[in-house]
Amino acid sequence: MASTDSLADNTAFARKNEASFPILADVEKTLAADYGVLSPSGYAARVNVYIDPTGVVVRVDKGVNPRSAGADLLVALKELDVPLATAD
């Protein structure tokens, strides 16, 4: 996950939501600009970009809904045949 918010804001978000994944603080907004998701107002749009192990973008989902983002992400990963880890 990447956000144009500050490192402090991303850290607080991760703690509040008990994130189990890293969040990149793209404060310079270069990543958002490189992926074409930087809005004119300077914020990154909610977009899921799926990148395969070789670095190729294999899917882009625009207009991500925060309420269903987790479930939508899981569906997309299954559609892309990404092996999912199981809890032991």
N, C-alpha and C. Protein backbone atom coordinates (compact mmCIF):
# COMPACT_ATOMS: atom_id res chain seq x y z
N MET A 1 0.85 -1.17 0.00
CA MET A 1 0.00 0.00 0.00
C MET A 1 0.89 1.23 0.00
N ALA A 2 0.46 2.24 -0.71
CA ALA A 2 1.18 3.50 -0.74
C ALA A 2 0.18 4.64 -0.53
N SER A 3 0.63 5.67 0.13
CA SER A 3 -0.21 6.82 0.40
C SER A 3 0.64 8.09 0.30
N THR A 4 0.02 9.17 -0.13
CA THR A 4 0.74 10.44 -0.18
C THR A 4 0.76 11.13 1.18
N ASP A 5 0.19 10.50 2.18
CA ASP A 5 0.21 11.04 3.54
C ASP A 5 1.62 10.91 4.12
N SER A 6 1.86 11.61 5.20
CA SER A 6 3.17 11.57 5.86
C SER A 6 3.42 10.22 6.51
N LEU A 7 4.68 9.96 6.82
CA LEU A 7 5.04 8.73 7.51
C LEU A 7 4.30 8.62 8.85
N ALA A 8 4.21 9.73 9.57
CA ALA A 8 3.50 9.73 10.86
C ALA A 8 2.03 9.38 10.68
N ASP A 9 1.39 9.97 9.67
CA ASP A 9 -0.03 9.67 9.42
C ASP A 9 -0.22 8.21 9.00
N ASN A 10 0.67 7.70 8.15
CA ASN A 10 0.56 6.30 7.72
C ASN A 10 0.80 5.35 8.89
N THR A 11 1.75 5.69 9.75
CA THR A 11 2.02 4.85 10.92
C THR A 11 0.81 4.82 11.85
N ALA A 12 0.20 5.97 12.07
CA ALA A 12 -1.00 6.04 12.93
C ALA A 12 -2.14 5.24 12.30
N PHE A 13 -2.33 5.36 10.98
CA PHE A 13 -3.36 4.60 10.27
C PHE A 13 -3.12 3.11 10.42
N ALA A 14 -1.87 2.67 10.24
CA ALA A 14 -1.53 1.25 10.34
C ALA A 14 -1.80 0.72 11.74
N ARG A 15 -1.45 1.49 12.75
CA ARG A 15 -1.68 1.06 14.13
C ARG A 15 -3.18 0.99 14.44
N LYS A 16 -3.90 2.02 14.05
CA LYS A 16 -5.34 2.08 14.30
C LYS A 16 -6.07 0.91 13.66
N ASN A 17 -5.66 0.56 12.45
CA ASN A 17 -6.34 -0.49 11.68
C ASN A 17 -5.64 -1.84 11.77
N GLU A 18 -4.61 -1.92 12.63
CA GLU A 18 -3.86 -3.15 12.84
C GLU A 18 -3.41 -3.76 11.52
N ALA A 19 -2.85 -2.93 10.66
CA ALA A 19 -2.38 -3.37 9.35
C ALA A 19 -1.26 -4.40 9.51
N SER A 20 -1.34 -5.44 8.72
CA SER A 20 -0.32 -6.49 8.77
C SER A 20 0.57 -6.43 7.52
N PHE A 21 0.66 -5.25 6.94
CA PHE A 21 1.42 -5.05 5.71
C PHE A 21 2.06 -3.66 5.77
N PRO A 22 3.12 -3.46 5.02
CA PRO A 22 3.77 -2.15 5.03
C PRO A 22 2.98 -1.10 4.25
N ILE A 23 3.10 0.14 4.66
CA ILE A 23 2.48 1.26 3.96
C ILE A 23 3.59 2.25 3.60
N LEU A 24 3.74 2.48 2.32
CA LEU A 24 4.75 3.40 1.83
C LEU A 24 4.25 4.83 1.94
N ALA A 25 5.06 5.70 2.51
CA ALA A 25 4.73 7.12 2.60
C ALA A 25 5.33 7.81 1.38
N ASP A 26 4.50 8.06 0.38
CA ASP A 26 4.92 8.68 -0.87
C ASP A 26 4.74 10.20 -0.78
N VAL A 27 5.43 10.80 0.18
CA VAL A 27 5.23 12.24 0.45
C VAL A 27 5.70 13.11 -0.72
N GLU A 28 6.64 12.63 -1.50
CA GLU A 28 7.10 13.38 -2.68
C GLU A 28 6.13 13.20 -3.85
N LYS A 29 5.23 12.23 -3.72
CA LYS A 29 4.18 11.94 -4.71
C LYS A 29 4.73 11.43 -6.04
N THR A 30 5.96 10.93 -6.03
CA THR A 30 6.55 10.43 -7.26
C THR A 30 5.94 9.10 -7.69
N LEU A 31 5.70 8.22 -6.75
CA LEU A 31 5.09 6.92 -7.08
C LEU A 31 3.69 7.13 -7.65
N ALA A 32 2.90 7.95 -7.00
CA ALA A 32 1.54 8.23 -7.47
C ALA A 32 1.57 8.84 -8.86
N ALA A 33 2.49 9.74 -9.10
CA ALA A 33 2.61 10.36 -10.43
C ALA A 33 3.06 9.33 -11.46
N ASP A 34 4.03 8.49 -11.10
CA ASP A 34 4.54 7.48 -12.03
C ASP A 34 3.46 6.48 -12.44
N TYR A 35 2.54 6.18 -11.53
CA TYR A 35 1.47 5.23 -11.83
C TYR A 35 0.22 5.92 -12.37
N GLY A 36 0.28 7.23 -12.51
CA GLY A 36 -0.83 7.97 -13.10
C GLY A 36 -2.06 8.07 -12.23
N VAL A 37 -1.87 8.03 -10.91
CA VAL A 37 -3.01 8.09 -10.00
C VAL A 37 -3.04 9.36 -9.15
N LEU A 38 -2.16 10.30 -9.46
CA LEU A 38 -2.13 11.56 -8.71
C LEU A 38 -3.18 12.51 -9.27
N SER A 39 -4.09 12.92 -8.41
CA SER A 39 -5.16 13.82 -8.84
C SER A 39 -4.63 15.25 -8.94
N PRO A 40 -5.35 16.11 -9.63
CA PRO A 40 -4.94 17.52 -9.72
C PRO A 40 -4.83 18.20 -8.35
N SER A 41 -5.59 17.69 -7.37
CA SER A 41 -5.54 18.28 -6.04
C SER A 41 -4.34 17.81 -5.23
N GLY A 42 -3.55 16.87 -5.80
CA GLY A 42 -2.33 16.43 -5.13
C GLY A 42 -2.47 15.18 -4.29
N TYR A 43 -3.62 14.55 -4.32
CA TYR A 43 -3.81 13.31 -3.57
C TYR A 43 -3.85 12.13 -4.54
N ALA A 44 -3.48 10.97 -4.05
CA ALA A 44 -3.54 9.77 -4.88
C ALA A 44 -4.96 9.23 -4.87
N ALA A 45 -5.44 8.87 -6.06
CA ALA A 45 -6.75 8.22 -6.17
C ALA A 45 -6.64 6.81 -5.61
N ARG A 46 -7.77 6.28 -5.17
CA ARG A 46 -7.79 4.90 -4.67
C ARG A 46 -7.78 3.96 -5.87
N VAL A 47 -6.63 3.33 -6.08
CA VAL A 47 -6.44 2.43 -7.20
C VAL A 47 -5.63 1.23 -6.71
N ASN A 48 -6.04 0.04 -7.12
CA ASN A 48 -5.24 -1.15 -6.83
C ASN A 48 -4.49 -1.52 -8.10
N VAL A 49 -3.16 -1.58 -8.00
CA VAL A 49 -2.31 -1.97 -9.11
C VAL A 49 -1.69 -3.30 -8.72
N TYR A 50 -1.94 -4.32 -9.54
CA TYR A 50 -1.44 -5.66 -9.27
C TYR A 50 -0.21 -5.89 -10.14
N ILE A 51 0.91 -6.20 -9.50
CA ILE A 51 2.19 -6.36 -10.17
C ILE A 51 2.66 -7.79 -9.95
N ASP A 52 3.00 -8.47 -11.05
CA ASP A 52 3.44 -9.87 -10.91
C ASP A 52 4.88 -9.93 -10.41
N PRO A 53 5.37 -11.12 -10.09
CA PRO A 53 6.73 -11.25 -9.53
C PRO A 53 7.84 -10.74 -10.45
N THR A 54 7.55 -10.60 -11.75
CA THR A 54 8.57 -10.10 -12.67
C THR A 54 8.51 -8.59 -12.84
N GLY A 55 7.56 -7.94 -12.15
CA GLY A 55 7.45 -6.49 -12.20
C GLY A 55 6.49 -5.97 -13.25
N VAL A 56 5.71 -6.84 -13.86
CA VAL A 56 4.76 -6.45 -14.90
C VAL A 56 3.40 -6.15 -14.26
N VAL A 57 2.82 -5.00 -14.62
CA VAL A 57 1.47 -4.67 -14.14
C VAL A 57 0.50 -5.58 -14.88
N VAL A 58 -0.25 -6.39 -14.13
CA VAL A 58 -1.17 -7.34 -14.74
C VAL A 58 -2.63 -6.95 -14.60
N ARG A 59 -2.89 -5.97 -13.75
CA ARG A 59 -4.28 -5.54 -13.57
C ARG A 59 -4.29 -4.21 -12.83
N VAL A 60 -5.25 -3.37 -13.18
CA VAL A 60 -5.45 -2.10 -12.49
C VAL A 60 -6.93 -1.97 -12.20
N ASP A 61 -7.28 -1.80 -10.94
CA ASP A 61 -8.66 -1.57 -10.52
C ASP A 61 -8.78 -0.14 -10.04
N LYS A 62 -9.55 0.66 -10.78
CA LYS A 62 -9.75 2.06 -10.41
C LYS A 62 -11.04 2.21 -9.60
N GLY A 63 -11.14 3.29 -8.87
CA GLY A 63 -12.36 3.56 -8.12
C GLY A 63 -12.60 2.58 -6.99
N VAL A 64 -11.57 2.27 -6.25
CA VAL A 64 -11.67 1.32 -5.15
C VAL A 64 -12.60 1.87 -4.07
N ASN A 65 -13.51 1.04 -3.62
CA ASN A 65 -14.45 1.40 -2.56
C ASN A 65 -13.85 0.96 -1.22
N PRO A 66 -13.55 1.88 -0.31
CA PRO A 66 -12.94 1.51 0.97
C PRO A 66 -13.76 0.48 1.75
N ARG A 67 -15.07 0.50 1.61
CA ARG A 67 -15.92 -0.44 2.37
C ARG A 67 -15.79 -1.87 1.89
N SER A 68 -15.48 -2.07 0.62
CA SER A 68 -15.38 -3.43 0.09
C SER A 68 -13.98 -3.75 -0.42
N ALA A 69 -13.02 -2.89 -0.14
CA ALA A 69 -11.67 -3.03 -0.70
C ALA A 69 -11.03 -4.37 -0.35
N GLY A 70 -11.15 -4.81 0.87
CA GLY A 70 -10.53 -6.08 1.28
C GLY A 70 -11.11 -7.26 0.52
N ALA A 71 -12.42 -7.33 0.47
CA ALA A 71 -13.09 -8.43 -0.24
C ALA A 71 -12.80 -8.35 -1.74
N ASP A 72 -12.81 -7.15 -2.29
CA ASP A 72 -12.52 -6.97 -3.72
C ASP A 72 -11.10 -7.40 -4.05
N LEU A 73 -10.18 -7.06 -3.16
CA LEU A 73 -8.78 -7.43 -3.35
C LEU A 73 -8.62 -8.95 -3.37
N LEU A 74 -9.29 -9.62 -2.45
CA LEU A 74 -9.22 -11.08 -2.39
C LEU A 74 -9.77 -11.72 -3.66
N VAL A 75 -10.89 -11.21 -4.16
CA VAL A 75 -11.46 -11.71 -5.41
C VAL A 75 -10.47 -11.54 -6.56
N ALA A 76 -9.87 -10.36 -6.65
CA ALA A 76 -8.91 -10.09 -7.72
C ALA A 76 -7.71 -11.01 -7.65
N LEU A 77 -7.19 -11.23 -6.45
CA LEU A 77 -6.04 -12.12 -6.30
C LEU A 77 -6.38 -13.54 -6.72
N LYS A 78 -7.57 -13.99 -6.37
CA LYS A 78 -8.01 -15.33 -6.79
C LYS A 78 -8.15 -15.39 -8.31
N GLU A 79 -8.71 -14.36 -8.92
CA GLU A 79 -8.87 -14.31 -10.38
C GLU A 79 -7.51 -14.32 -11.08
N LEU A 80 -6.51 -13.76 -10.45
CA LEU A 80 -5.15 -13.73 -11.00
C LEU A 80 -4.34 -14.97 -10.64
N ASP A 81 -5.00 -15.92 -9.98
CA ASP A 81 -4.34 -17.18 -9.56
C ASP A 81 -3.14 -16.96 -8.67
N VAL A 82 -3.23 -15.95 -7.81
CA VAL A 82 -2.16 -15.69 -6.85
C VAL A 82 -2.34 -16.67 -5.69
N PRO A 83 -1.30 -17.44 -5.36
CA PRO A 83 -1.43 -18.36 -4.23
C PRO A 83 -1.60 -17.58 -2.93
N LEU A 84 -2.62 -17.92 -2.18
CA LEU A 84 -2.90 -17.24 -0.92
C LEU A 84 -2.37 -18.05 0.24
N ALA A 85 -1.79 -17.34 1.19
CA ALA A 85 -1.28 -18.00 2.40
C ALA A 85 -2.44 -18.47 3.25
N THR A 86 -2.25 -19.56 3.94
CA THR A 86 -3.29 -20.06 4.84
C THR A 86 -2.78 -19.97 6.27
N ALA A 87 -3.69 -19.74 7.18
CA ALA A 87 -3.34 -19.67 8.60
C ALA A 87 -3.21 -21.10 9.13
N ASP A 88 -2.13 -21.36 9.81
CA ASP A 88 -1.92 -22.69 10.39
C ASP A 88 -2.22 -22.69 11.86
